[in-house]
Amino acid sequence: MAMKIDCDECISCGACEPECPVEAISEGDDCFVIDPNVCVECVGYFDESQCVEVCPVECISKAT
């Protein structure tokens, strides 16, 4: 499973991008995006997904 960013809520602040240990987050056309093929939800790196921890608008959740 991977994390996803809700572009309707994302303010494109960029806080999440440098926190990703596998560089799965990048700036997209409308907002930041998470590559689901790269995202590991920080498993093996941290206890919690770091992008979720730093997001000021809580727009990141688990992808379905």
C-alpha atoms as a PDB file:
ATOM      1  CA  MET A   1       0.000   0.000   0.000  1.00  0.00           C
ATOM      2  CA  ALA A   2       1.110   3.597  -0.500  1.00  0.00           C
ATOM      3  CA  MET A   3       0.161   7.060   0.634  1.00  0.00           C
ATOM      4  CA  LYS A   4      -1.699   9.597  -1.549  1.00  0.00           C
ATOM      5  CA  ILE A   5      -2.140  13.353  -1.537  1.00  0.00           C
ATOM      6  CA  ASP A   6      -5.583  14.938  -1.950  1.00  0.00           C
ATOM      7  CA  CYS A   7      -4.907  17.709  -4.489  1.00  0.00           C
ATOM      8  CA  ASP A   8      -8.108  19.501  -3.485  1.00  0.00           C
ATOM      9  CA  GLU A   9      -6.639  19.994  -0.009  1.00  0.00           C
ATOM     10  CA  CYS A  10      -2.891  20.266  -0.774  1.00  0.00           C
ATOM     11  CA  ILE A  11      -1.499  23.807  -0.505  1.00  0.00           C
ATOM     12  CA  SER A  12       1.749  22.839  -2.299  1.00  0.00           C
ATOM     13  CA  CYS A  13       3.871  23.938   0.652  1.00  0.00           C
ATOM     14  CA  GLY A  14       6.490  21.252  -0.056  1.00  0.00           C
ATOM     15  CA  ALA A  15       6.906  20.191   3.577  1.00  0.00           C
ATOM     16  CA  CYS A  16       6.398  16.538   2.701  1.00  0.00           C
ATOM     17  CA  GLU A  17       8.917  16.182  -0.127  1.00  0.00           C
ATOM     18  CA  PRO A  18      12.199  16.312   1.858  1.00  0.00           C
ATOM     19  CA  GLU A  19      10.790  14.025   4.567  1.00  0.00           C
ATOM     20  CA  CYS A  20      10.339  11.008   2.272  1.00  0.00           C
ATOM     21  CA  PRO A  21      13.180   8.512   2.837  1.00  0.00           C
ATOM     22  CA  VAL A  22      12.693   6.885  -0.583  1.00  0.00           C
ATOM     23  CA  GLU A  23      12.084  10.085  -2.593  1.00  0.00           C
ATOM     24  CA  ALA A  24       8.575   9.028  -3.647  1.00  0.00           C
ATOM     25  CA  ILE A  25       7.177  12.589  -3.416  1.00  0.00           C
ATOM     26  CA  SER A  26       7.594  15.132  -6.173  1.00  0.00           C
ATOM     27  CA  GLU A  27       5.971  18.344  -7.349  1.00  0.00           C
ATOM     28  CA  GLY A  28       3.192  17.685  -9.830  1.00  0.00           C
ATOM     29  CA  ASP A  29       1.247  20.049 -12.061  1.00  0.00           C
ATOM     30  CA  ASP A  30      -1.442  20.919  -9.502  1.00  0.00           C
ATOM     31  CA  CYS A  31       0.059  19.723  -6.227  1.00  0.00           C
ATOM     32  CA  PHE A  32       2.680  17.393  -4.829  1.00  0.00           C
ATOM     33  CA  VAL A  33       2.250  13.726  -5.770  1.00  0.00           C
ATOM     34  CA  ILE A  34       3.375  10.425  -4.292  1.00  0.00           C
ATOM     35  CA  ASP A  35       4.564   7.668  -6.614  1.00  0.00           C
ATOM     36  CA  PRO A  36       2.701   4.553  -5.385  1.00  0.00           C
ATOM     37  CA  ASN A  37       5.336   2.303  -6.965  1.00  0.00           C
ATOM     38  CA  VAL A  38       8.043   3.846  -4.788  1.00  0.00           C
ATOM     39  CA  CYS A  39       6.216   4.736  -1.541  1.00  0.00           C
ATOM     40  CA  VAL A  40       6.828   2.297   1.329  1.00  0.00           C
ATOM     41  CA  GLU A  41       4.831   4.272   3.952  1.00  0.00           C
ATOM     42  CA  CYS A  42       8.183   4.747   5.740  1.00  0.00           C
ATOM     43  CA  VAL A  43       8.196   1.057   6.750  1.00  0.00           C
ATOM     44  CA  GLY A  44      11.736   0.164   7.715  1.00  0.00           C
ATOM     45  CA  TYR A  45      12.635   3.834   8.204  1.00  0.00           C
ATOM     46  CA  PHE A  46      10.196   5.337  10.716  1.00  0.00           C
ATOM     47  CA  ASP A  47       7.286   4.219  12.912  1.00  0.00           C
ATOM     48  CA  GLU A  48       4.902   6.658  11.200  1.00  0.00           C
ATOM     49  CA  SER A  49       4.666   8.014   7.656  1.00  0.00           C
ATOM     50  CA  GLN A  50       6.742  11.179   7.793  1.00  0.00           C
ATOM     51  CA  CYS A  51       4.755  12.988   5.105  1.00  0.00           C
ATOM     52  CA  VAL A  52       1.611  12.638   7.210  1.00  0.00           C
ATOM     53  CA  GLU A  53       3.440  13.867  10.300  1.00  0.00           C
ATOM     54  CA  VAL A  54       4.603  17.131   8.673  1.00  0.00           C
ATOM     55  CA  CYS A  55       1.605  17.985   6.469  1.00  0.00           C
ATOM     56  CA  PRO A  56       0.041  21.205   7.859  1.00  0.00           C
ATOM     57  CA  VAL A  57      -3.336  20.620   6.177  1.00  0.00           C
ATOM     58  CA  GLU A  58      -3.642  16.852   6.738  1.00  0.00           C
ATOM     59  CA  CYS A  59      -4.189  16.066   3.047  1.00  0.00           C
ATOM     60  CA  ILE A  60      -2.187  12.803   2.972  1.00  0.00           C
ATOM     61  CA  SER A  61      -3.772   9.414   3.587  1.00  0.00           C
ATOM     62  CA  LYS A  62      -3.396   5.765   2.636  1.00  0.00           C
ATOM     63  CA  ALA A  63      -4.226   5.030  -0.984  1.00  0.00           C
ATOM     64  CA  THR A  64      -7.103   2.657  -1.592  1.00  0.00           C
END
